[in-house]
Amino acid sequence: MKFGSHSYIFSERWSDNSLPVLDTARELGLDCFEIGVGDDVVFSAGRTGKLARELGLELIISPGGLWPLECDLSSENPDERSAGLAWHKKQVDLASELGASAYSGSIYGHTGVVKRRPPLDEEYDHIAAGLHELAEYARPRGVSVVLEAMSHFRTHLVNNPGQMMRLLALADHPNLFALLDTYHMVVEVRDYAQAVQTMSSRLWGLHACENDRGVPGGGIVPWEKLFAGLHAVGFDGYVIMEAYNSSIPDFAFQRAMFHNVCADGSAFVRQGLAFLKAGLLNP
C-alpha cells in the first residue's frame, strides 16, 4: 500500500518554487504525491521528476488548474470531444515526462459541468470511446488512466460505484482504473464497504479526507466500515490525502472549501497518515 498527499494541501499552484514540498512529503513518510496540473500550471517537468526520483517519491497528476470547457469527452459536439481527447493526451504526455505513474480525475466529462438530468446513453458511448483511446495512448507511456467518481454537485455523469463500473465496462480497456473519494462519497453512498466491493476489480486507490475536507478521522465518514471493506477485498493500492491549504488567502474559498481545516499542510498529513495507517495496516 502507498500513502500520499495532494499538492493542494501545501500549494495553490505547482511551480519550480514548489520543489521543497517534495522533500517535506518524503520527510513526512509519504510514498507518493499527486500534482494538480492545467494550462495555467507552469513548471519544469524535468526538475520535478528528477527530484521525485531521487527521493523515491512516486508521482501522480490530475486536472486541477485551467481546463478549457470546450475540452470535454462527454460533449454532444464532436469537435469538443476531439479537443478533449487532445487535451487529455497532452496531460498524459506531461505525466510521462515527469515519470508519473497515473493520470487521475473526473476526465470522463468536465469537473463543474452539471446538467440537471441523468446521464444519457449517448454521453456514455461518447465518453467510453474517448477513454478507450486515451487509455491505449497512455499504456505504452507507462501511465495508468484513473477515473474519479464525484458528487452530483460536481458532475452528473459518474457519481456512484455502479455508474463507474458501467462506464469502465463500456470503455473496455485494461489501462483504465477507478478511484474512490471519501468526501464525494458522503452524499452519494450509504454503504462504503459495498462501494469498495463493487469497484474492487478496478480499484486503483482512494482520496482520503473528512466530510468537511478536513484531516481523516473525527468527522462523519464511516472509516471503520471503509477500512473493513478495503481489508475484505485485499486492497493494496494508493491512499492519497486531499484538501486545500486554508492558510493561503482565498485559495480554499475558491475551491469551495469554507472551513479552516487545513491551515498547516504538514500537520494535516502527519495526523492523517497516522490515522490511515492505523486503520489500514492493522486489520
C-alpha atoms as a PDB file:
ATOM      1  CA  MET A   1       0.000   0.000   0.000  1.00  0.00           C
ATOM      2  CA  LYS A   2       1.225   3.502  -0.836  1.00  0.00           C
ATOM      3  CA  PHE A   3       0.311   6.625   1.110  1.00  0.00           C
ATOM      4  CA  GLY A   4       0.455  10.112  -0.318  1.00  0.00           C
ATOM      5  CA  SER A   5      -0.947  13.613  -0.410  1.00  0.00           C
ATOM      6  CA  HIS A   6      -2.224  16.074  -2.967  1.00  0.00           C
ATOM      7  CA  SER A   7      -0.143  19.135  -3.768  1.00  0.00           C
ATOM      8  CA  TYR A   8      -3.073  21.366  -2.769  1.00  0.00           C
ATOM      9  CA  ILE A   9      -2.508  20.504   0.869  1.00  0.00           C
ATOM     10  CA  PHE A  10       0.677  22.563   0.588  1.00  0.00           C
ATOM     11  CA  SER A  11       0.488  24.767  -2.505  1.00  0.00           C
ATOM     12  CA  GLU A  12      -2.093  26.643  -4.580  1.00  0.00           C
ATOM     13  CA  ARG A  13      -0.318  26.106  -7.910  1.00  0.00           C
ATOM     14  CA  TRP A  14       2.667  23.879  -8.587  1.00  0.00           C
ATOM     15  CA  SER A  15       5.814  25.613  -9.862  1.00  0.00           C
ATOM     16  CA  ASP A  16       9.563  25.220  -9.714  1.00  0.00           C
ATOM     17  CA  ASN A  17       9.400  27.116  -6.430  1.00  0.00           C
ATOM     18  CA  SER A  18       7.300  24.262  -5.014  1.00  0.00           C
ATOM     19  CA  LEU A  19      10.094  21.692  -5.210  1.00  0.00           C
ATOM     20  CA  PRO A  20      10.909  21.810  -1.457  1.00  0.00           C
ATOM     21  CA  VAL A  21       7.399  20.421  -0.858  1.00  0.00           C
ATOM     22  CA  LEU A  22       8.612  17.103  -2.281  1.00  0.00           C
ATOM     23  CA  ASP A  23      11.346  16.995   0.364  1.00  0.00           C
ATOM     24  CA  THR A  24       8.724  17.723   3.005  1.00  0.00           C
ATOM     25  CA  ALA A  25       6.460  14.964   1.670  1.00  0.00           C
ATOM     26  CA  ARG A  26       9.252  12.415   1.883  1.00  0.00           C
ATOM     27  CA  GLU A  27      10.273  13.573   5.353  1.00  0.00           C
ATOM     28  CA  LEU A  28       6.663  13.058   6.457  1.00  0.00           C
ATOM     29  CA  GLY A  29       6.883   9.445   5.336  1.00  0.00           C
ATOM     30  CA  LEU A  30       4.836   9.642   2.138  1.00  0.00           C
ATOM     31  CA  ASP A  31       5.335   7.229  -0.739  1.00  0.00           C
ATOM     32  CA  CYS A  32       3.562   9.182  -3.487  1.00  0.00           C
ATOM     33  CA  PHE A  33       2.484  12.698  -4.355  1.00  0.00           C
ATOM     34  CA  GLU A  34      -0.315  14.000  -6.578  1.00  0.00           C
ATOM     35  CA  ILE A  35       0.177  17.245  -8.506  1.00  0.00           C
ATOM     36  CA  GLY A  36      -2.691  19.332  -9.871  1.00  0.00           C
ATOM     37  CA  VAL A  37      -1.992  20.361 -13.474  1.00  0.00           C
ATOM     38  CA  GLY A  38      -3.603  22.557 -16.117  1.00  0.00           C
ATOM     39  CA  ASP A  39      -2.896  25.148 -18.762  1.00  0.00           C
ATOM     40  CA  ASP A  40      -2.036  27.771 -16.135  1.00  0.00           C
ATOM     41  CA  VAL A  41       0.292  25.467 -14.160  1.00  0.00           C
ATOM     42  CA  VAL A  42       3.808  26.051 -15.465  1.00  0.00           C
ATOM     43  CA  PHE A  43       6.839  24.199 -14.161  1.00  0.00           C
ATOM     44  CA  SER A  44       9.834  22.171 -15.306  1.00  0.00           C
ATOM     45  CA  ALA A  45       8.721  18.556 -15.572  1.00  0.00           C
ATOM     46  CA  GLY A  46      12.359  17.571 -15.743  1.00  0.00           C
ATOM     47  CA  ARG A  47      13.239  19.195 -12.424  1.00  0.00           C
ATOM     48  CA  THR A  48      10.158  17.916 -10.590  1.00  0.00           C
ATOM     49  CA  GLY A  49      10.522  14.408 -11.975  1.00  0.00           C
ATOM     50  CA  LYS A  50      14.239  14.247 -11.218  1.00  0.00           C
ATOM     51  CA  LEU A  51      13.819  15.291  -7.596  1.00  0.00           C
ATOM     52  CA  ALA A  52      10.916  12.889  -7.088  1.00  0.00           C
ATOM     53  CA  ARG A  53      13.024  10.008  -8.414  1.00  0.00           C
ATOM     54  CA  GLU A  54      15.938  10.964  -6.179  1.00  0.00           C
ATOM     55  CA  LEU A  55      13.602  10.987  -3.180  1.00  0.00           C
ATOM     56  CA  GLY A  56      11.903   7.733  -4.127  1.00  0.00           C
ATOM     57  CA  LEU A  57       8.565   9.532  -4.355  1.00  0.00           C
ATOM     58  CA  GLU A  58       6.046   8.273  -6.936  1.00  0.00           C
ATOM     59  CA  LEU A  59       4.155  10.986  -8.801  1.00  0.00           C
ATOM     60  CA  ILE A  60       0.541  11.148  -9.956  1.00  0.00           C
ATOM     61  CA  ILE A  61      -1.044  14.060 -11.815  1.00  0.00           C
ATOM     62  CA  SER A  62      -4.640  15.219 -12.136  1.00  0.00           C
ATOM     63  CA  PRO A  63      -6.521  18.157 -13.668  1.00  0.00           C
ATOM     64  CA  GLY A  64      -6.814  20.980 -11.177  1.00  0.00           C
ATOM     65  CA  GLY A  65      -5.716  24.113 -12.975  1.00  0.00           C
ATOM     66  CA  LEU A  66      -7.139  25.703 -16.115  1.00  0.00           C
ATOM     67  CA  TRP A  67      -9.047  23.142 -18.190  1.00  0.00           C
ATOM     68  CA  PRO A  68     -10.927  24.670 -21.151  1.00  0.00           C
ATOM     69  CA  LEU A  69     -14.653  23.955 -21.045  1.00  0.00           C
ATOM     70  CA  GLU A  70     -14.649  23.014 -24.711  1.00  0.00           C
ATOM     71  CA  CYS A  71     -12.316  20.093 -23.940  1.00  0.00           C
ATOM     72  CA  ASP A  72     -14.927  17.540 -22.921  1.00  0.00           C
ATOM     73  CA  LEU A  73     -15.104  13.833 -23.789  1.00  0.00           C
ATOM     74  CA  SER A  74     -18.834  13.783 -22.989  1.00  0.00           C
ATOM     75  CA  SER A  75     -19.865  16.647 -25.272  1.00  0.00           C
ATOM     76  CA  GLU A  76     -22.501  16.159 -27.959  1.00  0.00           C
ATOM     77  CA  ASN A  77     -20.236  18.272 -30.183  1.00  0.00           C
ATOM     78  CA  PRO A  78     -17.645  16.038 -31.918  1.00  0.00           C
ATOM     79  CA  ASP A  79     -15.176  18.936 -32.168  1.00  0.00           C
ATOM     80  CA  GLU A  80     -15.291  19.391 -28.392  1.00  0.00           C
ATOM     81  CA  ARG A  81     -14.806  15.662 -27.859  1.00  0.00           C
ATOM     82  CA  SER A  82     -11.775  15.741 -30.137  1.00  0.00           C
ATOM     83  CA  ALA A  83     -10.429  18.778 -28.294  1.00  0.00           C
ATOM     84  CA  GLY A  84     -10.990  16.954 -25.006  1.00  0.00           C
ATOM     85  CA  LEU A  85      -9.097  13.888 -26.152  1.00  0.00           C
ATOM     86  CA  ALA A  86      -6.214  16.032 -27.404  1.00  0.00           C
ATOM     87  CA  TRP A  87      -6.091  17.953 -24.100  1.00  0.00           C
ATOM     88  CA  HIS A  88      -6.042  14.782 -22.017  1.00  0.00           C
ATOM     89  CA  LYS A  89      -3.357  13.256 -24.240  1.00  0.00           C
ATOM     90  CA  LYS A  90      -1.268  16.357 -23.536  1.00  0.00           C
ATOM     91  CA  GLN A  91      -1.606  15.666 -19.804  1.00  0.00           C
ATOM     92  CA  VAL A  92      -0.604  12.034 -20.367  1.00  0.00           C
ATOM     93  CA  ASP A  93       2.488  13.307 -22.184  1.00  0.00           C
ATOM     94  CA  LEU A  94       3.261  15.502 -19.178  1.00  0.00           C
ATOM     95  CA  ALA A  95       2.806  12.533 -16.865  1.00  0.00           C
ATOM     96  CA  SER A  96       5.212  10.514 -18.998  1.00  0.00           C
ATOM     97  CA  GLU A  97       7.785  13.325 -18.973  1.00  0.00           C
ATOM     98  CA  LEU A  98       7.510  13.540 -15.186  1.00  0.00           C
ATOM     99  CA  GLY A  99       7.787   9.784 -14.795  1.00  0.00           C
ATOM    100  CA  ALA A 100       4.347   9.856 -13.141  1.00  0.00           C
ATOM    101  CA  SER A 101       2.568   6.524 -12.871  1.00  0.00           C
ATOM    102  CA  ALA A 102      -1.009   7.761 -13.300  1.00  0.00           C
ATOM    103  CA  TYR A 103      -3.274  10.473 -14.698  1.00  0.00           C
ATOM    104  CA  SER A 104      -6.346  10.707 -12.496  1.00  0.00           C
ATOM    105  CA  GLY A 105      -9.583  12.652 -12.210  1.00  0.00           C
ATOM    106  CA  SER A 106     -13.112  13.137 -13.490  1.00  0.00           C
ATOM    107  CA  ILE A 107     -11.790  13.113 -17.028  1.00  0.00           C
ATOM    108  CA  TYR A 108     -14.916  11.450 -18.397  1.00  0.00           C
ATOM    109  CA  GLY A 109     -16.538  14.901 -18.547  1.00  0.00           C
ATOM    110  CA  HIS A 110     -15.588  18.303 -17.234  1.00  0.00           C
ATOM    111  CA  THR A 111     -15.497  18.934 -13.484  1.00  0.00           C
ATOM    112  CA  GLY A 112     -18.093  21.528 -12.544  1.00  0.00           C
ATOM    113  CA  VAL A 113     -20.391  20.912 -15.516  1.00  0.00           C
ATOM    114  CA  VAL A 114     -23.633  19.579 -14.072  1.00  0.00           C
ATOM    115  CA  LYS A 115     -26.681  19.017 -16.261  1.00  0.00           C
ATOM    116  CA  ARG A 116     -29.884  18.629 -14.273  1.00  0.00           C
ATOM    117  CA  ARG A 117     -30.768  15.233 -15.706  1.00  0.00           C
ATOM    118  CA  PRO A 118     -29.463  11.667 -15.636  1.00  0.00           C
ATOM    119  CA  PRO A 119     -26.539  10.869 -17.933  1.00  0.00           C
ATOM    120  CA  LEU A 120     -27.624   9.834 -21.416  1.00  0.00           C
ATOM    121  CA  ASP A 121     -26.623   6.592 -23.112  1.00  0.00           C
ATOM    122  CA  GLU A 122     -25.160   8.694 -25.907  1.00  0.00           C
ATOM    123  CA  GLU A 123     -22.956  10.545 -23.418  1.00  0.00           C
ATOM    124  CA  TYR A 124     -21.616   7.276 -22.021  1.00  0.00           C
ATOM    125  CA  ASP A 125     -20.957   5.986 -25.536  1.00  0.00           C
ATOM    126  CA  HIS A 126     -19.016   9.141 -26.406  1.00  0.00           C
ATOM    127  CA  ILE A 127     -17.077   9.014 -23.138  1.00  0.00           C
ATOM    128  CA  ALA A 128     -16.278   5.310 -23.475  1.00  0.00           C
ATOM    129  CA  ALA A 129     -14.858   5.782 -26.964  1.00  0.00           C
ATOM    130  CA  GLY A 130     -12.656   8.673 -25.811  1.00  0.00           C
ATOM    131  CA  LEU A 131     -11.467   6.902 -22.684  1.00  0.00           C
ATOM    132  CA  HIS A 132     -10.585   3.754 -24.623  1.00  0.00           C
ATOM    133  CA  GLU A 133      -8.415   5.762 -26.997  1.00  0.00           C
ATOM    134  CA  LEU A 134      -6.839   7.733 -24.139  1.00  0.00           C
ATOM    135  CA  ALA A 135      -6.041   4.560 -22.188  1.00  0.00           C
ATOM    136  CA  GLU A 136      -4.499   2.988 -25.270  1.00  0.00           C
ATOM    137  CA  TYR A 137      -2.401   6.122 -25.813  1.00  0.00           C
ATOM    138  CA  ALA A 138      -1.261   6.143 -22.173  1.00  0.00           C
ATOM    139  CA  ARG A 139      -0.361   2.461 -21.886  1.00  0.00           C
ATOM    140  CA  PRO A 140       2.952   2.455 -23.810  1.00  0.00           C
ATOM    141  CA  ARG A 141       3.900   5.644 -21.961  1.00  0.00           C
ATOM    142  CA  GLY A 142       3.642   3.850 -18.624  1.00  0.00           C
ATOM    143  CA  VAL A 143       0.712   5.946 -17.406  1.00  0.00           C
ATOM    144  CA  SER A 144      -2.451   4.465 -15.879  1.00  0.00           C
ATOM    145  CA  VAL A 145      -5.701   6.354 -16.503  1.00  0.00           C
ATOM    146  CA  VAL A 146      -7.688   6.567 -13.274  1.00  0.00           C
ATOM    147  CA  LEU A 147     -11.287   7.800 -13.116  1.00  0.00           C
ATOM    148  CA  GLU A 148     -12.697   9.506 -10.040  1.00  0.00           C
ATOM    149  CA  ALA A 149     -16.403   9.478  -9.236  1.00  0.00           C
ATOM    150  CA  MET A 150     -17.588  12.830  -7.881  1.00  0.00           C
ATOM    151  CA  SER A 151     -20.715  14.087  -6.180  1.00  0.00           C
ATOM    152  CA  HIS A 152     -23.721  15.375  -8.097  1.00  0.00           C
ATOM    153  CA  PHE A 153     -22.632  18.888  -7.123  1.00  0.00           C
ATOM    154  CA  ARG A 154     -19.600  18.483  -9.414  1.00  0.00           C
ATOM    155  CA  THR A 155     -20.826  16.245 -12.252  1.00  0.00           C
ATOM    156  CA  HIS A 156     -23.974  14.491 -13.426  1.00  0.00           C
ATOM    157  CA  LEU A 157     -22.047  11.732 -15.183  1.00  0.00           C
ATOM    158  CA  VAL A 158     -20.376   9.435 -12.635  1.00  0.00           C
ATOM    159  CA  ASN A 159     -21.489   9.810  -9.025  1.00  0.00           C
ATOM    160  CA  ASN A 160     -21.524   6.272  -7.657  1.00  0.00           C
ATOM    161  CA  PRO A 161     -19.747   2.908  -7.981  1.00  0.00           C
ATOM    162  CA  GLY A 162     -22.414   1.400 -10.216  1.00  0.00           C
ATOM    163  CA  GLN A 163     -22.052   4.175 -12.772  1.00  0.00           C
ATOM    164  CA  MET A 164     -18.282   3.910 -12.596  1.00  0.00           C
ATOM    165  CA  MET A 165     -18.290   0.189 -13.297  1.00  0.00           C
ATOM    166  CA  ARG A 166     -20.766   0.628 -16.148  1.00  0.00           C
ATOM    167  CA  LEU A 167     -18.524   3.211 -17.783  1.00  0.00           C
ATOM    168  CA  LEU A 168     -15.406   1.084 -17.316  1.00  0.00           C
ATOM    169  CA  ALA A 169     -17.192  -1.867 -18.913  1.00  0.00           C
ATOM    170  CA  LEU A 170     -18.221   0.254 -21.879  1.00  0.00           C
ATOM    171  CA  ALA A 171     -14.730   1.694 -22.327  1.00  0.00           C
ATOM    172  CA  ASP A 172     -13.305  -1.820 -22.040  1.00  0.00           C
ATOM    173  CA  HIS A 173      -9.591  -1.182 -21.614  1.00  0.00           C
ATOM    174  CA  PRO A 174      -7.169  -2.803 -19.127  1.00  0.00           C
ATOM    175  CA  ASN A 175      -5.377   0.515 -18.554  1.00  0.00           C
ATOM    176  CA  LEU A 176      -8.478   2.160 -17.052  1.00  0.00           C
ATOM    177  CA  PHE A 177      -8.964   2.139 -13.283  1.00  0.00           C
ATOM    178  CA  ALA A 178     -11.168   3.698 -10.604  1.00  0.00           C
ATOM    179  CA  LEU A 179     -10.627   5.887  -7.552  1.00  0.00           C
ATOM    180  CA  LEU A 180     -12.978   6.372  -4.590  1.00  0.00           C
ATOM    181  CA  ASP A 181     -13.111   9.732  -2.802  1.00  0.00           C
ATOM    182  CA  THR A 182     -14.355   9.706   0.795  1.00  0.00           C
ATOM    183  CA  TYR A 183     -15.513  13.340   0.536  1.00  0.00           C
ATOM    184  CA  HIS A 184     -17.640  12.871  -2.580  1.00  0.00           C
ATOM    185  CA  MET A 185     -18.984   9.546  -1.300  1.00  0.00           C
ATOM    186  CA  VAL A 186     -20.652  11.218   1.700  1.00  0.00           C
ATOM    187  CA  VAL A 187     -23.587  12.463  -0.404  1.00  0.00           C
ATOM    188  CA  GLU A 188     -23.689   9.561  -2.881  1.00  0.00           C
ATOM    189  CA  VAL A 189     -23.059   6.323  -0.972  1.00  0.00           C
ATOM    190  CA  ARG A 190     -24.659   4.828   2.139  1.00  0.00           C
ATOM    191  CA  ASP A 191     -22.590   1.659   2.371  1.00  0.00           C
ATOM    192  CA  TYR A 192     -18.871   2.371   1.993  1.00  0.00           C
ATOM    193  CA  ALA A 193     -17.899  -1.288   2.275  1.00  0.00           C
ATOM    194  CA  GLN A 194     -20.296  -2.217  -0.524  1.00  0.00           C
ATOM    195  CA  ALA A 195     -18.894   0.604  -2.657  1.00  0.00           C
ATOM    196  CA  VAL A 196     -15.426  -0.895  -2.260  1.00  0.00           C
ATOM    197  CA  GLN A 197     -16.747  -4.351  -3.092  1.00  0.00           C
ATOM    198  CA  THR A 198     -18.497  -3.089  -6.234  1.00  0.00           C
ATOM    199  CA  MET A 199     -15.334  -1.427  -7.542  1.00  0.00           C
ATOM    200  CA  SER A 200     -12.783  -3.878  -6.172  1.00  0.00           C
ATOM    201  CA  SER A 201     -11.781  -5.392  -9.521  1.00  0.00           C
ATOM    202  CA  ARG A 202     -10.731  -1.974 -10.859  1.00  0.00           C
ATOM    203  CA  LEU A 203      -9.988  -0.074  -7.649  1.00  0.00           C
ATOM    204  CA  TRP A 204      -6.679   1.776  -8.029  1.00  0.00           C
ATOM    205  CA  GLY A 205      -6.869   3.971  -4.970  1.00  0.00           C
ATOM    206  CA  LEU A 206      -8.586   6.293  -2.565  1.00  0.00           C
ATOM    207  CA  HIS A 207      -8.759  10.031  -1.932  1.00  0.00           C
ATOM    208  CA  ALA A 208      -8.962  10.311   1.832  1.00  0.00           C
ATOM    209  CA  CYS A 209     -10.320  13.240   3.833  1.00  0.00           C
ATOM    210  CA  GLU A 210     -13.252  14.028   6.093  1.00  0.00           C
ATOM    211  CA  ASN A 211     -16.738  15.150   5.109  1.00  0.00           C
ATOM    212  CA  ASP A 212     -15.597  18.779   5.529  1.00  0.00           C
ATOM    213  CA  ARG A 213     -12.319  18.188   3.623  1.00  0.00           C
ATOM    214  CA  GLY A 214     -10.537  18.036   6.949  1.00  0.00           C
ATOM    215  CA  VAL A 215      -7.955  15.560   8.181  1.00  0.00           C
ATOM    216  CA  PRO A 216      -9.203  11.943   8.133  1.00  0.00           C
ATOM    217  CA  GLY A 217     -10.839  10.917  11.401  1.00  0.00           C
ATOM    218  CA  GLY A 218     -13.253  12.734  13.680  1.00  0.00           C
ATOM    219  CA  GLY A 219     -15.979  13.555  11.162  1.00  0.00           C
ATOM    220  CA  ILE A 220     -18.895  11.554   9.790  1.00  0.00           C
ATOM    221  CA  VAL A 221     -17.065   9.414   7.222  1.00  0.00           C
ATOM    222  CA  PRO A 222     -17.638   5.765   8.344  1.00  0.00           C
ATOM    223  CA  TRP A 223     -13.963   4.873   8.443  1.00  0.00           C
ATOM    224  CA  GLU A 224     -14.369   1.560  10.248  1.00  0.00           C
ATOM    225  CA  LYS A 225     -16.724   0.275   7.549  1.00  0.00           C
ATOM    226  CA  LEU A 226     -14.444   1.619   4.834  1.00  0.00           C
ATOM    227  CA  PHE A 227     -11.352   0.010   6.337  1.00  0.00           C
ATOM    228  CA  ALA A 228     -13.223  -3.283   6.779  1.00  0.00           C
ATOM    229  CA  GLY A 229     -14.316  -3.173   3.157  1.00  0.00           C
ATOM    230  CA  LEU A 230     -10.801  -2.494   1.935  1.00  0.00           C
ATOM    231  CA  HIS A 231      -9.401  -5.320   4.066  1.00  0.00           C
ATOM    232  CA  ALA A 232     -12.091  -7.692   2.774  1.00  0.00           C
ATOM    233  CA  VAL A 233     -11.040  -7.222  -0.862  1.00  0.00           C
ATOM    234  CA  GLY A 234      -7.309  -7.288  -0.126  1.00  0.00           C
ATOM    235  CA  PHE A 235      -6.805  -3.661  -1.179  1.00  0.00           C
ATOM    236  CA  ASP A 236      -3.146  -2.769  -1.695  1.00  0.00           C
ATOM    237  CA  GLY A 237      -3.349   0.415  -3.741  1.00  0.00           C
ATOM    238  CA  TYR A 238      -2.898   4.141  -3.287  1.00  0.00           C
ATOM    239  CA  VAL A 239      -4.272   6.201  -0.378  1.00  0.00           C
ATOM    240  CA  ILE A 240      -3.897   9.911  -1.068  1.00  0.00           C
ATOM    241  CA  MET A 241      -4.974  12.641   1.337  1.00  0.00           C
ATOM    242  CA  GLU A 242      -6.660  15.560  -0.389  1.00  0.00           C
ATOM    243  CA  ALA A 243      -7.623  19.009   0.900  1.00  0.00           C
ATOM    244  CA  TYR A 244      -6.895  22.666   0.182  1.00  0.00           C
ATOM    245  CA  ASN A 245      -4.470  24.650   2.286  1.00  0.00           C
ATOM    246  CA  SER A 246      -6.663  27.133   4.141  1.00  0.00           C
ATOM    247  CA  SER A 247      -3.771  29.376   5.193  1.00  0.00           C
ATOM    248  CA  ILE A 248      -3.311  30.581   1.589  1.00  0.00           C
ATOM    249  CA  PRO A 249      -5.541  33.671   1.115  1.00  0.00           C
ATOM    250  CA  ASP A 250      -8.753  32.845  -0.794  1.00  0.00           C
ATOM    251  CA  PHE A 251      -7.385  29.544  -2.130  1.00  0.00           C
ATOM    252  CA  ALA A 252      -9.681  27.222  -0.186  1.00  0.00           C
ATOM    253  CA  PHE A 253     -12.687  29.500  -0.721  1.00  0.00           C
ATOM    254  CA  GLN A 254     -12.100  29.498  -4.482  1.00  0.00           C
ATOM    255  CA  ARG A 255     -12.186  25.686  -4.279  1.00  0.00           C
ATOM    256  CA  ALA A 256     -15.464  25.775  -2.335  1.00  0.00           C
ATOM    257  CA  MET A 257     -13.885  24.716   0.954  1.00  0.00           C
ATOM    258  CA  PHE A 258     -15.253  27.129   3.534  1.00  0.00           C
ATOM    259  CA  HIS A 259     -13.761  25.635   6.690  1.00  0.00           C
ATOM    260  CA  ASN A 260     -10.325  26.304   8.127  1.00  0.00           C
ATOM    261  CA  VAL A 261      -9.436  22.611   8.257  1.00  0.00           C
ATOM    262  CA  CYS A 262      -6.006  22.636   6.593  1.00  0.00           C
ATOM    263  CA  ALA A 263      -4.081  25.589   7.938  1.00  0.00           C
ATOM    264  CA  ASP A 264      -0.866  23.568   8.222  1.00  0.00           C
ATOM    265  CA  GLY A 265      -0.171  21.037   5.477  1.00  0.00           C
ATOM    266  CA  SER A 266       2.478  19.136   7.392  1.00  0.00           C
ATOM    267  CA  ALA A 267       0.288  18.817  10.479  1.00  0.00           C
ATOM    268  CA  PHE A 268      -2.627  17.644   8.310  1.00  0.00           C
ATOM    269  CA  VAL A 269      -0.511  14.938   6.694  1.00  0.00           C
ATOM    270  CA  ARG A 270       1.132  13.851   9.927  1.00  0.00           C
ATOM    271  CA  GLN A 271      -2.193  13.380  11.712  1.00  0.00           C
ATOM    272  CA  GLY A 272      -3.978  11.893   8.724  1.00  0.00           C
ATOM    273  CA  LEU A 273      -1.195   9.462   7.909  1.00  0.00           C
ATOM    274  CA  ALA A 274      -1.151   8.100  11.472  1.00  0.00           C
ATOM    275  CA  PHE A 275      -4.915   7.588  11.386  1.00  0.00           C
ATOM    276  CA  LEU A 276      -4.967   5.928   7.963  1.00  0.00           C
ATOM    277  CA  LYS A 277      -2.051   3.623   8.694  1.00  0.00           C
ATOM    278  CA  ALA A 278      -3.634   2.553  11.985  1.00  0.00           C
ATOM    279  CA  GLY A 279      -6.809   1.590  10.172  1.00  0.00           C
ATOM    280  CA  LEU A 280      -5.346   0.080   7.032  1.00  0.00           C
ATOM    281  CA  LEU A 281      -2.151  -1.639   8.146  1.00  0.00           C
ATOM    282  CA  ASN A 282      -3.627  -3.230  11.280  1.00  0.00           C
ATOM    283  CA  PRO A 283      -6.606  -5.396  10.229  1.00  0.00           C
END
